[in-house]
Amino acid sequence: MSTTDNNTNQIGLEKADVSTIIAKLNGLLSSYHMYYINVRGYHWNVKGEHFFTLHPQFEELYTALQIQIDEIAERILTLGGTPLHAYSDFAQHTSIEEDKNVKDGNTCVRGVVSGLQTLIAEQRQVSAVAAEADDQGSADLVDAYVQEQEKLVWMYNAFLG
């Protein structure tokens, strides 16, 4: 016998509330993908005196983003939604701009900081909507990302001076 009714999903959350969270998470997933692409570009193309510092740092960042992308997509599935998975969908729903042909280390770091700030703001919105719907799982997921990313913003800004 199922413990859900027609108004709740498989984890007991109201379907009407969850549809808004799924849409917000898909937007966040799109932003993460665009940010991931930007960071990969910084990793591949950075040049100059800070190459040996920044190249591995950007690799560490995009590797963490891969994990977070997967966790966001799996959260969407847990809520009963379908994660976006086409670049055209990501481009349409992202809050992060493409950052092409960046090579200068400081410019790359400014792009990293700007992207993190955008993700933090978007995740705070997701957290608020999730908390309002008693979706502690989604709120906790993005709140943990915010905490990590706030520290990264401080550290990358320290690099910039």
C-alpha atoms as a PDB file:
ATOM      1  CA  MET A   1       0.000   0.000   0.000  1.00  0.00           C
ATOM      2  CA  SER A   2       1.358   3.404  -0.992  1.00  0.00           C
ATOM      3  CA  THR A   3       1.761   6.088   1.639  1.00  0.00           C
ATOM      4  CA  THR A   4       1.270   8.890  -0.919  1.00  0.00           C
ATOM      5  CA  ASP A   5      -2.002  10.309  -2.140  1.00  0.00           C
ATOM      6  CA  ASN A   6      -2.809  12.096  -5.377  1.00  0.00           C
ATOM      7  CA  ASN A   7      -1.675  15.440  -3.944  1.00  0.00           C
ATOM      8  CA  THR A   8       1.744  14.372  -2.681  1.00  0.00           C
ATOM      9  CA  ASN A   9       4.835  12.949  -4.321  1.00  0.00           C
ATOM     10  CA  GLN A  10       6.819   9.840  -3.365  1.00  0.00           C
ATOM     11  CA  ILE A  11       8.497  11.592  -0.416  1.00  0.00           C
ATOM     12  CA  GLY A  12       5.315  13.159   0.971  1.00  0.00           C
ATOM     13  CA  LEU A  13       5.629  16.697  -0.354  1.00  0.00           C
ATOM     14  CA  GLU A  14       2.736  18.542  -1.973  1.00  0.00           C
ATOM     15  CA  LYS A  15       2.958  18.169  -5.755  1.00  0.00           C
ATOM     16  CA  ALA A  16       1.815  21.757  -6.311  1.00  0.00           C
ATOM     17  CA  ASP A  17       4.636  23.082  -4.129  1.00  0.00           C
ATOM     18  CA  VAL A  18       7.197  20.709  -5.582  1.00  0.00           C
ATOM     19  CA  SER A  19       6.572  21.806  -9.176  1.00  0.00           C
ATOM     20  CA  THR A  20       7.873  25.276  -8.301  1.00  0.00           C
ATOM     21  CA  ILE A  21      10.928  23.785  -6.587  1.00  0.00           C
ATOM     22  CA  ILE A  22      11.630  21.531  -9.573  1.00  0.00           C
ATOM     23  CA  ALA A  23      11.499  24.546 -11.913  1.00  0.00           C
ATOM     24  CA  LYS A  24      13.879  26.486  -9.646  1.00  0.00           C
ATOM     25  CA  LEU A  25      16.228  23.499  -9.396  1.00  0.00           C
ATOM     26  CA  ASN A  26      16.217  23.091 -13.178  1.00  0.00           C
ATOM     27  CA  GLY A  27      17.161  26.752 -13.488  1.00  0.00           C
ATOM     28  CA  LEU A  28      19.940  26.178 -10.976  1.00  0.00           C
ATOM     29  CA  LEU A  29      21.053  23.055 -12.849  1.00  0.00           C
ATOM     30  CA  SER A  30      21.269  25.153 -16.018  1.00  0.00           C
ATOM     31  CA  SER A  31      23.326  27.803 -14.240  1.00  0.00           C
ATOM     32  CA  TYR A  32      25.661  25.152 -12.875  1.00  0.00           C
ATOM     33  CA  HIS A  33      26.206  23.734 -16.367  1.00  0.00           C
ATOM     34  CA  MET A  34      27.007  27.141 -17.831  1.00  0.00           C
ATOM     35  CA  TYR A  35      29.332  27.923 -14.926  1.00  0.00           C
ATOM     36  CA  TYR A  36      31.004  24.515 -15.338  1.00  0.00           C
ATOM     37  CA  ILE A  37      31.648  25.266 -19.027  1.00  0.00           C
ATOM     38  CA  ASN A  38      33.128  28.655 -18.113  1.00  0.00           C
ATOM     39  CA  VAL A  39      35.416  27.163 -15.468  1.00  0.00           C
ATOM     40  CA  ARG A  40      36.587  24.464 -17.889  1.00  0.00           C
ATOM     41  CA  GLY A  41      37.459  27.251 -20.314  1.00  0.00           C
ATOM     42  CA  TYR A  42      39.421  29.083 -17.624  1.00  0.00           C
ATOM     43  CA  HIS A  43      41.277  25.844 -16.825  1.00  0.00           C
ATOM     44  CA  TRP A  44      42.166  25.165 -20.438  1.00  0.00           C
ATOM     45  CA  ASN A  45      43.010  28.696 -21.508  1.00  0.00           C
ATOM     46  CA  VAL A  46      44.563  30.493 -18.523  1.00  0.00           C
ATOM     47  CA  LYS A  47      47.982  31.968 -19.282  1.00  0.00           C
ATOM     48  CA  GLY A  48      50.486  34.118 -17.487  1.00  0.00           C
ATOM     49  CA  GLU A  49      52.423  34.241 -14.264  1.00  0.00           C
ATOM     50  CA  HIS A  50      49.716  32.523 -12.186  1.00  0.00           C
ATOM     51  CA  PHE A  51      49.212  29.572 -14.548  1.00  0.00           C
ATOM     52  CA  PHE A  52      50.691  26.992 -12.165  1.00  0.00           C
ATOM     53  CA  THR A  53      48.484  28.230  -9.312  1.00  0.00           C
ATOM     54  CA  LEU A  54      45.232  28.710 -11.218  1.00  0.00           C
ATOM     55  CA  HIS A  55      45.252  25.757 -13.639  1.00  0.00           C
ATOM     56  CA  PRO A  56      44.957  23.103 -10.869  1.00  0.00           C
ATOM     57  CA  GLN A  57      42.652  25.326  -8.816  1.00  0.00           C
ATOM     58  CA  PHE A  58      40.187  25.580 -11.713  1.00  0.00           C
ATOM     59  CA  GLU A  59      40.376  21.802 -12.199  1.00  0.00           C
ATOM     60  CA  GLU A  60      39.497  21.288  -8.543  1.00  0.00           C
ATOM     61  CA  LEU A  61      36.569  23.675  -8.924  1.00  0.00           C
ATOM     62  CA  TYR A  62      35.100  22.093 -12.062  1.00  0.00           C
ATOM     63  CA  THR A  63      35.496  18.606 -10.568  1.00  0.00           C
ATOM     64  CA  ALA A  64      33.418  19.713  -7.557  1.00  0.00           C
ATOM     65  CA  LEU A  65      30.867  21.280  -9.924  1.00  0.00           C
ATOM     66  CA  GLN A  66      30.433  17.917 -11.705  1.00  0.00           C
ATOM     67  CA  ILE A  67      29.414  16.328  -8.414  1.00  0.00           C
ATOM     68  CA  GLN A  68      27.064  19.173  -7.550  1.00  0.00           C
ATOM     69  CA  ILE A  69      25.444  19.016 -10.995  1.00  0.00           C
ATOM     70  CA  ASP A  70      24.752  15.323 -10.455  1.00  0.00           C
ATOM     71  CA  GLU A  71      23.341  15.930  -6.966  1.00  0.00           C
ATOM     72  CA  ILE A  72      20.995  18.661  -8.229  1.00  0.00           C
ATOM     73  CA  ALA A  73      19.754  16.447 -11.068  1.00  0.00           C
ATOM     74  CA  GLU A  74      19.189  13.565  -8.656  1.00  0.00           C
ATOM     75  CA  ARG A  75      17.273  15.868  -6.293  1.00  0.00           C
ATOM     76  CA  ILE A  76      14.990  16.848  -9.173  1.00  0.00           C
ATOM     77  CA  LEU A  77      14.381  13.142  -9.829  1.00  0.00           C
ATOM     78  CA  THR A  78      13.731  12.506  -6.127  1.00  0.00           C
ATOM     79  CA  LEU A  79      11.067  15.211  -6.190  1.00  0.00           C
ATOM     80  CA  GLY A  80       9.417  13.508  -9.176  1.00  0.00           C
ATOM     81  CA  GLY A  81      10.696  15.854 -11.870  1.00  0.00           C
ATOM     82  CA  THR A  82      12.843  15.499 -14.955  1.00  0.00           C
ATOM     83  CA  PRO A  83      16.190  17.285 -14.987  1.00  0.00           C
ATOM     84  CA  LEU A  84      17.004  19.379 -18.015  1.00  0.00           C
ATOM     85  CA  HIS A  85      19.772  17.750 -20.011  1.00  0.00           C
ATOM     86  CA  ALA A  86      20.192  19.585 -23.315  1.00  0.00           C
ATOM     87  CA  TYR A  87      22.528  22.509 -23.839  1.00  0.00           C
ATOM     88  CA  SER A  88      19.718  24.460 -25.528  1.00  0.00           C
ATOM     89  CA  ASP A  89      17.643  24.098 -22.351  1.00  0.00           C
ATOM     90  CA  PHE A  90      20.585  25.136 -20.177  1.00  0.00           C
ATOM     91  CA  ALA A  91      21.210  28.205 -22.342  1.00  0.00           C
ATOM     92  CA  GLN A  92      17.547  29.184 -22.051  1.00  0.00           C
ATOM     93  CA  HIS A  93      17.269  28.755 -18.249  1.00  0.00           C
ATOM     94  CA  THR A  94      20.683  29.819 -16.936  1.00  0.00           C
ATOM     95  CA  SER A  95      21.376  32.950 -14.924  1.00  0.00           C
ATOM     96  CA  ILE A  96      25.069  32.828 -15.884  1.00  0.00           C
ATOM     97  CA  GLU A  97      26.496  34.307 -19.079  1.00  0.00           C
ATOM     98  CA  GLU A  98      28.966  32.487 -21.287  1.00  0.00           C
ATOM     99  CA  ASP A  99      32.506  33.723 -20.732  1.00  0.00           C
ATOM    100  CA  LYS A 100      34.465  33.043 -23.927  1.00  0.00           C
ATOM    101  CA  ASN A 101      38.137  33.330 -24.790  1.00  0.00           C
ATOM    102  CA  VAL A 102      39.339  34.436 -21.360  1.00  0.00           C
ATOM    103  CA  LYS A 103      43.064  33.839 -20.855  1.00  0.00           C
ATOM    104  CA  ASP A 104      44.301  36.356 -18.308  1.00  0.00           C
ATOM    105  CA  GLY A 105      44.472  34.806 -14.836  1.00  0.00           C
ATOM    106  CA  ASN A 106      42.918  37.751 -12.993  1.00  0.00           C
ATOM    107  CA  THR A 107      40.097  37.974 -15.521  1.00  0.00           C
ATOM    108  CA  CYS A 108      39.472  34.233 -15.088  1.00  0.00           C
ATOM    109  CA  VAL A 109      39.351  34.637 -11.302  1.00  0.00           C
ATOM    110  CA  ARG A 110      36.923  37.551 -11.608  1.00  0.00           C
ATOM    111  CA  GLY A 111      34.749  35.262 -13.763  1.00  0.00           C
ATOM    112  CA  VAL A 112      34.949  32.553 -11.102  1.00  0.00           C
ATOM    113  CA  VAL A 113      33.899  35.021  -8.398  1.00  0.00           C
ATOM    114  CA  SER A 114      31.071  36.489 -10.463  1.00  0.00           C
ATOM    115  CA  GLY A 115      29.734  33.017 -11.256  1.00  0.00           C
ATOM    116  CA  LEU A 116      29.892  31.962  -7.621  1.00  0.00           C
ATOM    117  CA  GLN A 117      28.054  35.107  -6.551  1.00  0.00           C
ATOM    118  CA  THR A 118      25.329  34.389  -9.100  1.00  0.00           C
ATOM    119  CA  LEU A 119      25.011  30.766  -7.950  1.00  0.00           C
ATOM    120  CA  ILE A 120      24.846  31.839  -4.306  1.00  0.00           C
ATOM    121  CA  ALA A 121      22.026  34.301  -5.021  1.00  0.00           C
ATOM    122  CA  GLU A 122      20.093  31.723  -7.057  1.00  0.00           C
ATOM    123  CA  GLN A 123      20.574  29.037  -4.401  1.00  0.00           C
ATOM    124  CA  ARG A 124      19.268  31.366  -1.692  1.00  0.00           C
ATOM    125  CA  GLN A 125      16.084  31.729  -3.743  1.00  0.00           C
ATOM    126  CA  VAL A 126      15.803  27.948  -4.138  1.00  0.00           C
ATOM    127  CA  SER A 127      16.349  27.504  -0.405  1.00  0.00           C
ATOM    128  CA  ALA A 128      13.606  29.996   0.475  1.00  0.00           C
ATOM    129  CA  VAL A 129      11.075  28.347  -1.852  1.00  0.00           C
ATOM    130  CA  ALA A 130      12.029  24.884  -0.607  1.00  0.00           C
ATOM    131  CA  ALA A 131      11.792  25.895   3.051  1.00  0.00           C
ATOM    132  CA  GLU A 132       8.351  27.380   2.471  1.00  0.00           C
ATOM    133  CA  ALA A 133       7.205  24.022   1.050  1.00  0.00           C
ATOM    134  CA  ASP A 134       8.790  22.033   3.928  1.00  0.00           C
ATOM    135  CA  ASP A 135      11.302  20.555   1.466  1.00  0.00           C
ATOM    136  CA  GLN A 136      14.187  20.333   3.892  1.00  0.00           C
ATOM    137  CA  GLY A 137      16.185  18.089   1.564  1.00  0.00           C
ATOM    138  CA  SER A 138      16.391  20.649  -1.241  1.00  0.00           C
ATOM    139  CA  ALA A 139      17.012  23.509   1.191  1.00  0.00           C
ATOM    140  CA  ASP A 140      19.806  21.598   2.929  1.00  0.00           C
ATOM    141  CA  LEU A 141      21.419  20.668  -0.392  1.00  0.00           C
ATOM    142  CA  VAL A 142      21.696  24.218  -1.684  1.00  0.00           C
ATOM    143  CA  ASP A 143      22.452  25.704   1.738  1.00  0.00           C
ATOM    144  CA  ALA A 144      25.528  23.468   1.975  1.00  0.00           C
ATOM    145  CA  TYR A 145      26.650  24.686  -1.459  1.00  0.00           C
ATOM    146  CA  VAL A 146      26.170  28.309  -0.384  1.00  0.00           C
ATOM    147  CA  GLN A 147      28.346  27.830   2.670  1.00  0.00           C
ATOM    148  CA  GLU A 148      31.176  26.315   0.602  1.00  0.00           C
ATOM    149  CA  GLN A 149      30.872  28.899  -2.146  1.00  0.00           C
ATOM    150  CA  GLU A 150      30.856  31.884   0.203  1.00  0.00           C
ATOM    151  CA  LYS A 151      34.271  30.763   1.432  1.00  0.00           C
ATOM    152  CA  LEU A 152      35.477  30.361  -2.151  1.00  0.00           C
ATOM    153  CA  VAL A 153      34.341  33.910  -2.958  1.00  0.00           C
ATOM    154  CA  TRP A 154      36.426  35.177  -0.050  1.00  0.00           C
ATOM    155  CA  MET A 155      39.458  33.124  -1.100  1.00  0.00           C
ATOM    156  CA  TYR A 156      39.358  34.082  -4.791  1.00  0.00           C
ATOM    157  CA  ASN A 157      38.837  37.746  -3.856  1.00  0.00           C
ATOM    158  CA  ALA A 158      41.873  37.466  -1.564  1.00  0.00           C
ATOM    159  CA  PHE A 159      43.858  36.252  -4.592  1.00  0.00           C
ATOM    160  CA  LEU A 160      42.739  39.347  -6.507  1.00  0.00           C
ATOM    161  CA  GLY A 161      43.877  41.559  -3.626  1.00  0.00           C
END
